[in-house]
Amino acid sequence: MKGSLHLTTVSGIPVKIHWTFGLLLLWVVYETGKGKFDPWFVLISLGIVLSVFFCVILHEFGHSFAARKFGVQTHDILMTPIGGIARLERMPEGRGQEFWVAIAGPIVNFVIVGLIWFGYFAFDGVVLPIFSLDFWEMNNGATSYFRILMMANGYLGIFNLLPAFPMDGGRMLRSLLSLRIDRQKATQIASYVGQGIALLMFGYGLYQGHPTMTLIGVFIFFAARQEFQALVRQNKLTTLKATDIMDPIRHDLFIGMTRHEAKEIVSERKESSFVVWSGPGIPAGYIMRDRLMHLDLLEESNLIDAWIIPAPIAVPPDFSAGQVYAVMQQYKLPLVLIYDRVHYLGIVIWEKVAKMV
């Protein structure tokens, strides 16, 4: 992702931090330094924030290592001010696989809570009453570094188990539903559940005067909705063939035309690029609209031949829409031709595929 700094690579997985994370640290310095500035207190606050986000990184590694067990690699882990993102190649769709990948993150958080609890018990003989409400009161004097880490990890683990996208609980719910119904229907149900939870959080935040809760509700609502829409788009890319999204071939531009002639032909069309033919059914290349429409008037009598980009790429008709998109994206192509080894059947323009995605 643009604007990110590579920190390290662990087990082949790059860990990056987005530049906006620095704004969070500056905000912490500002908030903790207001009033009487205490450098020691500021450093402690920064240390706690960084420690919590280190636990977030471990949470994301939980997802990544679980996905690796199912043959799915991780592009990278990106840290942002609102949390971490493990960018998987794809979400595994095998029976129950998404459930284990999703739950692996919260399990890491609960393991951290358990390790801190066990550490106090093993080294000091202290049994922390983590299930007592008094223990979590901030004014009881027990505001230790490790207690804050326990509280943060407990919150991260429990919050991510909510059955609402984009939290892990939403993916766990979809995976369980997928055991009985198809994935698209399961995603739709999980999306509706997530939106319902988001509305409850939004209403509670308004009623109690908690703006943070209200904003979280808004975020979850749209994220849950987007998850279903993204799957619908993905299914279209998988099921539609190149022939389903192609436009008919038009033999409008030929080599040997002047720029003025070509501009008159394409002026009423909306495409950003056009095939240029050396003869009917014989493509010579393609030309971009910008090259035609922004030429010096004194040069319009010149031929378009010098501006043609040669050899447009052709793909077979049984390519899926997703494969066509991948080819066009990889090679930065504004168009591709559909070719059955005998005839050119049609043309796919980038605008049409990009709109689907």
Protein backbone atom coordinates (compact mmCIF):
# COMPACT_ATOMS: atom_id res chain seq x y z
CA MET A 1 0.00 0.00 0.00
CA LYS A 2 1.25 3.48 -0.83
CA GLY A 3 2.54 5.55 2.08
CA SER A 4 3.66 2.56 4.17
CA LEU A 5 7.06 1.82 5.68
CA HIS A 6 8.48 -1.70 5.71
CA LEU A 7 9.47 -2.57 9.29
CA THR A 8 10.55 -6.20 9.10
CA THR A 9 9.78 -9.58 7.59
CA VAL A 10 8.79 -12.50 9.79
CA SER A 11 8.48 -16.00 8.35
CA GLY A 12 8.28 -14.54 4.87
CA ILE A 13 5.51 -12.07 5.79
CA PRO A 14 6.41 -8.36 5.46
CA VAL A 15 5.23 -6.15 8.31
CA LYS A 16 4.50 -2.57 7.27
CA ILE A 17 3.30 0.54 9.04
CA HIS A 18 1.19 3.22 7.39
CA TRP A 19 2.41 6.80 7.67
CA THR A 20 -0.80 7.82 9.46
CA PHE A 21 0.29 5.68 12.42
CA GLY A 22 2.71 8.47 13.25
CA LEU A 23 -0.25 10.82 13.65
CA LEU A 24 -1.62 8.52 16.37
CA LEU A 25 1.68 8.70 18.27
CA LEU A 26 1.72 12.50 17.96
CA TRP A 27 -1.84 12.60 19.32
CA VAL A 28 -0.77 10.46 22.30
CA VAL A 29 2.13 12.83 23.01
CA TYR A 30 -0.22 15.81 22.77
CA GLU A 31 -2.89 14.32 25.05
CA THR A 32 -0.48 13.04 27.69
CA GLY A 33 1.62 16.21 27.60
CA LYS A 34 -1.22 18.66 28.19
CA GLY A 35 -1.00 20.66 31.39
CA LYS A 36 2.17 19.89 33.29
CA PHE A 37 4.47 18.14 30.83
CA ASP A 38 5.96 14.97 32.29
CA PRO A 39 8.41 13.30 29.84
CA TRP A 40 8.38 10.06 31.82
CA PHE A 41 4.58 9.81 31.69
CA VAL A 42 4.62 10.56 27.94
CA LEU A 43 7.17 7.79 27.33
CA ILE A 44 5.15 5.32 29.41
CA SER A 45 2.00 6.19 27.43
CA LEU A 46 3.81 5.71 24.13
CA GLY A 47 5.20 2.41 25.39
CA ILE A 48 1.73 1.16 26.28
CA VAL A 49 0.28 2.18 22.89
CA LEU A 50 3.14 0.49 21.03
CA SER A 51 2.79 -2.63 23.18
CA VAL A 52 -0.92 -2.86 22.42
CA PHE A 53 -0.26 -2.51 18.71
CA PHE A 54 2.43 -5.16 18.95
CA CYS A 55 -0.29 -7.46 20.28
CA VAL A 56 -2.42 -6.42 17.29
CA ILE A 57 0.42 -7.54 15.01
CA LEU A 58 0.50 -10.88 16.81
CA HIS A 59 -3.27 -11.10 16.28
CA GLU A 60 -2.77 -10.65 12.53
CA PHE A 61 0.01 -13.23 12.50
CA GLY A 62 -2.50 -15.63 14.03
CA HIS A 63 -4.68 -15.18 10.95
CA SER A 64 -1.69 -15.43 8.61
CA PHE A 65 -0.27 -18.65 10.05
CA ALA A 66 -3.70 -20.28 10.17
CA ALA A 67 -4.28 -19.32 6.52
CA ARG A 68 -0.88 -20.78 5.60
CA LYS A 69 -2.04 -24.14 6.96
CA PHE A 70 -4.70 -24.11 4.23
CA GLY A 71 -2.27 -23.13 1.48
CA VAL A 72 -3.07 -19.40 1.51
CA GLN A 73 -0.17 -16.98 1.67
CA THR A 74 -0.18 -13.47 3.12
CA HIS A 75 0.93 -10.51 1.02
CA ASP A 76 1.79 -8.42 4.08
CA ILE A 77 0.56 -7.16 7.45
CA LEU A 78 -0.17 -3.44 7.57
CA MET A 79 -0.52 -1.43 10.76
CA THR A 80 -2.81 1.62 10.73
CA PRO A 81 -4.12 3.88 13.52
CA ILE A 82 -7.37 1.87 13.62
CA GLY A 83 -5.79 -1.58 13.75
CA GLY A 84 -3.97 -4.18 11.70
CA ILE A 85 -4.74 -5.73 8.34
CA ALA A 86 -3.41 -9.10 7.22
CA ARG A 87 -3.74 -9.01 3.45
CA LEU A 88 -4.31 -12.63 2.48
CA GLU A 89 -4.11 -13.83 -1.12
CA ARG A 90 -7.68 -14.94 -0.65
CA MET A 91 -9.92 -16.24 2.09
CA PRO A 92 -9.89 -20.07 2.11
CA GLU A 93 -13.31 -21.42 1.19
CA GLY A 94 -12.90 -25.07 2.12
CA ARG A 95 -15.28 -26.62 4.60
CA GLY A 96 -14.81 -24.72 7.88
CA GLN A 97 -11.43 -23.31 6.85
CA GLU A 98 -12.47 -19.66 7.11
CA PHE A 99 -13.68 -20.32 10.66
CA TRP A 100 -10.23 -21.43 11.84
CA VAL A 101 -8.46 -18.58 10.05
CA ALA A 102 -10.84 -16.06 11.61
CA ILE A 103 -10.77 -17.41 15.16
CA ALA A 104 -6.97 -17.68 15.18
CA GLY A 105 -6.65 -13.92 15.77
CA PRO A 106 -8.79 -13.69 18.94
CA ILE A 107 -7.18 -16.89 20.24
CA VAL A 108 -3.81 -15.10 20.15
CA ASN A 109 -5.26 -12.29 22.29
CA PHE A 110 -6.71 -14.72 24.82
CA VAL A 111 -3.39 -16.60 24.95
CA ILE A 112 -1.62 -13.32 25.81
CA VAL A 113 -4.12 -12.72 28.62
CA GLY A 114 -3.50 -16.25 29.88
CA LEU A 115 0.29 -15.89 29.73
CA ILE A 116 0.24 -12.67 31.78
CA TRP A 117 -2.10 -14.25 34.33
CA PHE A 118 0.09 -17.36 34.54
CA GLY A 119 3.23 -15.19 34.83
CA TYR A 120 1.86 -13.44 37.93
CA PHE A 121 0.88 -16.77 39.41
CA ALA A 122 4.17 -18.55 38.59
CA PHE A 123 6.59 -15.82 39.71
CA ASP A 124 4.70 -13.95 42.45
CA GLY A 125 2.13 -16.52 43.52
CA VAL A 126 -0.57 -13.93 42.82
CA VAL A 127 -3.88 -15.13 41.42
CA LEU A 128 -5.25 -12.16 39.50
CA PRO A 129 -9.04 -11.92 39.90
CA ILE A 130 -9.65 -11.11 36.24
CA PHE A 131 -13.32 -12.09 36.53
CA SER A 132 -13.91 -9.60 39.32
CA LEU A 133 -15.26 -6.20 38.33
CA ASP A 134 -13.25 -4.57 41.12
CA PHE A 135 -10.02 -5.72 39.47
CA TRP A 136 -10.80 -3.68 36.36
CA GLU A 137 -11.65 -0.48 38.21
CA MET A 138 -9.09 2.14 37.21
CA ASN A 139 -9.10 3.78 40.64
CA ASN A 140 -8.19 0.67 42.63
CA GLY A 141 -4.44 1.35 42.39
CA ALA A 142 -3.69 -1.76 40.34
CA THR A 143 -3.01 0.17 37.13
CA SER A 144 0.04 -1.83 36.12
CA TYR A 145 1.46 -2.17 32.64
CA PHE A 146 0.55 -5.83 32.44
CA ARG A 147 -3.00 -5.25 33.69
CA ILE A 148 -3.53 -2.73 30.88
CA LEU A 149 -2.17 -5.25 28.37
CA MET A 150 -4.53 -7.89 29.75
CA MET A 151 -7.48 -5.55 29.46
CA ALA A 152 -6.53 -4.48 25.92
CA ASN A 153 -6.09 -8.04 24.70
CA GLY A 154 -9.29 -9.18 26.37
CA TYR A 155 -11.15 -6.35 24.68
CA LEU A 156 -9.58 -7.09 21.29
CA GLY A 157 -10.42 -10.76 21.56
CA ILE A 158 -14.03 -10.29 22.67
CA PHE A 159 -14.78 -7.39 20.31
CA ASN A 160 -13.48 -9.32 17.31
CA LEU A 161 -15.79 -12.22 18.15
CA LEU A 162 -18.86 -10.07 17.47
CA PRO A 163 -20.69 -11.75 14.55
CA ALA A 164 -20.40 -8.68 12.33
CA PHE A 165 -18.16 -7.89 9.39
CA PRO A 166 -15.37 -6.85 9.26
CA MET A 167 -14.69 -8.45 12.66
CA ASP A 168 -13.52 -12.03 12.86
CA GLY A 169 -16.86 -13.10 14.30
CA GLY A 170 -18.60 -12.14 11.07
CA ARG A 171 -16.31 -14.43 9.08
CA MET A 172 -16.75 -17.20 11.63
CA LEU A 173 -20.53 -16.88 11.30
CA ARG A 174 -20.31 -17.00 7.50
CA SER A 175 -18.11 -20.08 7.65
CA LEU A 176 -20.55 -21.92 9.92
CA LEU A 177 -23.51 -20.94 7.76
CA SER A 178 -21.61 -22.10 4.67
CA LEU A 179 -21.69 -25.63 6.07
CA ARG A 180 -25.43 -25.68 5.36
CA ILE A 181 -26.06 -23.12 2.61
CA ASP A 182 -24.13 -21.63 -0.31
CA ARG A 183 -21.48 -19.03 0.42
CA GLN A 184 -23.29 -16.09 -1.14
CA LYS A 185 -26.44 -16.70 0.92
CA ALA A 186 -24.31 -17.24 4.03
CA THR A 187 -22.53 -13.94 3.41
CA GLN A 188 -25.85 -12.16 2.95
CA ILE A 189 -27.18 -13.47 6.27
CA ALA A 190 -23.93 -12.63 8.09
CA SER A 191 -24.03 -9.17 6.51
CA TYR A 192 -27.59 -8.60 7.76
CA VAL A 193 -26.63 -9.76 11.27
CA GLY A 194 -23.67 -7.39 11.23
CA GLN A 195 -25.82 -4.48 10.10
CA GLY A 196 -28.31 -5.26 12.87
CA ILE A 197 -25.55 -5.22 15.49
CA ALA A 198 -24.22 -1.98 14.00
CA LEU A 199 -27.65 -0.33 14.32
CA LEU A 200 -27.87 -1.40 17.96
CA MET A 201 -24.41 0.05 18.64
CA PHE A 202 -25.34 3.24 16.81
CA GLY A 203 -28.56 3.62 18.79
CA TYR A 204 -26.86 2.84 22.10
CA GLY A 205 -24.13 5.36 21.35
CA LEU A 206 -26.68 8.09 20.63
CA TYR A 207 -28.76 7.22 23.70
CA GLN A 208 -25.80 7.13 26.08
CA GLY A 209 -23.96 10.02 24.45
CA HIS A 210 -20.96 7.92 23.37
CA PRO A 211 -19.73 9.35 20.04
CA THR A 212 -17.07 6.65 19.71
CA MET A 213 -19.65 3.88 19.94
CA THR A 214 -21.82 5.73 17.42
CA LEU A 215 -18.96 6.00 14.92
CA ILE A 216 -18.05 2.34 15.38
CA GLY A 217 -21.66 1.43 14.63
CA VAL A 218 -21.59 3.47 11.41
CA PHE A 219 -18.31 1.86 10.36
CA ILE A 220 -19.52 -1.68 11.03
CA PHE A 221 -22.81 -1.07 9.19
CA PHE A 222 -21.15 -0.02 5.95
CA ALA A 223 -18.37 -2.60 6.26
CA ALA A 224 -20.91 -5.41 6.69
CA ARG A 225 -22.88 -4.16 3.71
CA GLN A 226 -19.75 -3.87 1.59
CA GLU A 227 -18.68 -7.44 2.37
CA PHE A 228 -21.77 -8.87 0.69
CA GLN A 229 -21.50 -6.52 -2.26
CA ALA A 230 -17.85 -7.50 -2.72
CA LEU A 231 -18.75 -11.20 -2.80
CA VAL A 232 -21.49 -10.56 -5.39
CA ARG A 233 -18.95 -8.77 -7.55
CA GLN A 234 -16.44 -11.57 -7.07
CA ASN A 235 -19.02 -14.18 -8.09
CA LYS A 236 -19.76 -12.21 -11.23
CA LEU A 237 -16.08 -12.13 -12.11
CA THR A 238 -15.89 -15.88 -11.59
CA THR A 239 -19.06 -16.99 -13.37
CA LEU A 240 -19.21 -14.55 -16.30
CA LYS A 241 -17.17 -15.42 -19.37
CA ALA A 242 -15.26 -13.03 -21.61
CA THR A 243 -17.98 -13.43 -24.22
CA ASP A 244 -20.57 -12.26 -21.67
CA ILE A 245 -18.90 -8.89 -21.16
CA MET A 246 -17.52 -8.21 -24.64
CA ASP A 247 -18.81 -5.56 -27.02
CA PRO A 248 -19.17 -6.17 -30.76
CA ILE A 249 -16.21 -5.34 -32.93
CA ARG A 250 -16.42 -2.14 -34.93
CA HIS A 251 -14.19 -1.60 -37.94
CA ASP A 252 -14.03 2.18 -37.69
CA LEU A 253 -10.34 3.07 -37.65
CA PHE A 254 -7.77 1.86 -40.16
CA ILE A 255 -4.13 2.55 -40.75
CA GLY A 256 -3.61 5.28 -43.29
CA MET A 257 -6.34 7.50 -41.83
CA THR A 258 -5.54 11.11 -41.00
CA ARG A 259 -5.88 12.29 -37.45
CA HIS A 260 -8.70 14.60 -38.46
CA GLU A 261 -10.69 11.68 -39.94
CA ALA A 262 -10.09 9.57 -36.85
CA LYS A 263 -11.15 12.37 -34.49
CA GLU A 264 -14.44 12.81 -36.30
CA ILE A 265 -15.16 9.07 -35.95
CA VAL A 266 -14.39 8.76 -32.22
CA SER A 267 -15.77 12.14 -31.11
CA GLU A 268 -19.23 10.65 -30.52
CA ARG A 269 -17.96 7.53 -28.73
CA LYS A 270 -17.13 7.23 -25.03
CA GLU A 271 -14.34 4.67 -25.01
CA SER A 272 -10.83 5.69 -23.94
CA SER A 273 -9.17 3.53 -26.62
CA PHE A 274 -9.99 2.09 -30.03
CA VAL A 275 -8.76 -0.78 -32.16
CA VAL A 276 -7.03 0.23 -35.39
CA TRP A 277 -7.24 -2.27 -38.24
CA SER A 278 -4.91 -2.89 -41.14
CA GLY A 279 -7.82 -4.63 -42.87
CA PRO A 280 -11.16 -6.21 -41.92
CA GLY A 281 -10.47 -8.73 -39.17
CA ILE A 282 -6.74 -7.91 -39.03
CA PRO A 283 -5.87 -5.71 -36.02
CA ALA A 284 -2.85 -3.46 -36.33
CA GLY A 285 -3.00 -2.14 -32.77
CA TYR A 286 -4.95 0.41 -30.79
CA ILE A 287 -4.88 4.14 -30.21
CA MET A 288 -5.82 6.17 -27.15
CA ARG A 289 -8.53 8.83 -27.24
CA ASP A 290 -6.21 11.38 -25.61
CA ARG A 291 -3.75 11.02 -28.45
CA LEU A 292 -6.43 11.90 -30.95
CA MET A 293 -8.40 14.57 -29.15
CA HIS A 294 -5.47 16.68 -27.91
CA LEU A 295 -3.40 17.11 -31.05
CA ASP A 296 -2.10 20.28 -32.59
CA LEU A 297 -4.52 21.44 -35.27
CA LEU A 298 -1.61 21.95 -37.65
CA GLU A 299 -0.78 18.26 -37.41
CA GLU A 300 -4.28 16.86 -37.97
CA SER A 301 -3.54 16.09 -41.61
CA ASN A 302 -0.86 13.64 -40.51
CA LEU A 303 -1.65 9.95 -40.41
CA ILE A 304 -2.53 8.14 -37.20
CA ASP A 305 -0.07 5.34 -37.95
CA ALA A 306 2.72 6.80 -35.82
CA TRP A 307 0.40 6.94 -32.79
CA ILE A 308 -0.78 3.34 -32.91
CA ILE A 309 0.24 1.03 -30.08
CA PRO A 310 0.90 -2.27 -31.88
CA ALA A 311 -0.37 -5.79 -31.27
CA PRO A 312 -3.41 -5.65 -28.97
CA ILE A 313 -3.58 -8.64 -26.64
CA ALA A 314 -6.22 -11.29 -27.41
CA VAL A 315 -7.69 -13.73 -24.88
CA PRO A 316 -9.73 -16.90 -25.47
CA PRO A 317 -13.53 -16.76 -25.15
CA ASP A 318 -13.59 -19.20 -22.22
CA PHE A 319 -11.61 -16.81 -20.01
CA SER A 320 -13.63 -15.69 -16.99
CA ALA A 321 -14.30 -12.02 -16.43
CA GLY A 322 -11.92 -12.21 -13.48
CA GLN A 323 -9.12 -13.57 -15.67
CA VAL A 324 -9.73 -10.83 -18.22
CA TYR A 325 -9.55 -8.26 -15.42
CA ALA A 326 -6.31 -9.75 -14.10
CA VAL A 327 -4.67 -9.65 -17.55
CA MET A 328 -5.75 -6.07 -18.18
CA GLN A 329 -4.67 -4.94 -14.74
CA GLN A 330 -1.29 -6.67 -14.90
CA TYR A 331 -0.33 -5.26 -18.29
CA LYS A 332 -2.19 -1.94 -17.91
CA LEU A 333 -4.31 -2.62 -21.00
CA PRO A 334 -7.21 -0.34 -21.99
CA LEU A 335 -8.75 -3.11 -24.12
CA VAL A 336 -8.40 -6.75 -25.14
CA LEU A 337 -9.79 -8.68 -28.09
CA ILE A 338 -11.64 -11.99 -27.75
CA TYR A 339 -10.16 -14.50 -30.19
CA ASP A 340 -11.18 -18.13 -30.81
CA ARG A 341 -8.05 -18.92 -32.89
CA VAL A 342 -10.03 -18.33 -36.07
CA HIS A 343 -11.99 -15.10 -35.68
CA TYR A 344 -12.01 -12.05 -33.46
CA LEU A 345 -15.34 -12.30 -31.67
CA GLY A 346 -15.49 -9.07 -29.71
CA ILE A 347 -13.70 -6.51 -27.60
CA VAL A 348 -13.57 -5.86 -23.85
CA ILE A 349 -12.76 -2.33 -22.71
CA TRP A 350 -11.21 -1.52 -19.34
CA GLU A 351 -14.03 0.77 -18.22
CA LYS A 352 -16.55 -2.06 -18.38
CA VAL A 353 -14.44 -4.53 -16.38
CA ALA A 354 -13.35 -1.92 -13.83
CA LYS A 355 -16.99 -1.00 -13.22
CA MET A 356 -17.73 -4.62 -12.30
CA VAL A 357 -14.87 -4.67 -9.81
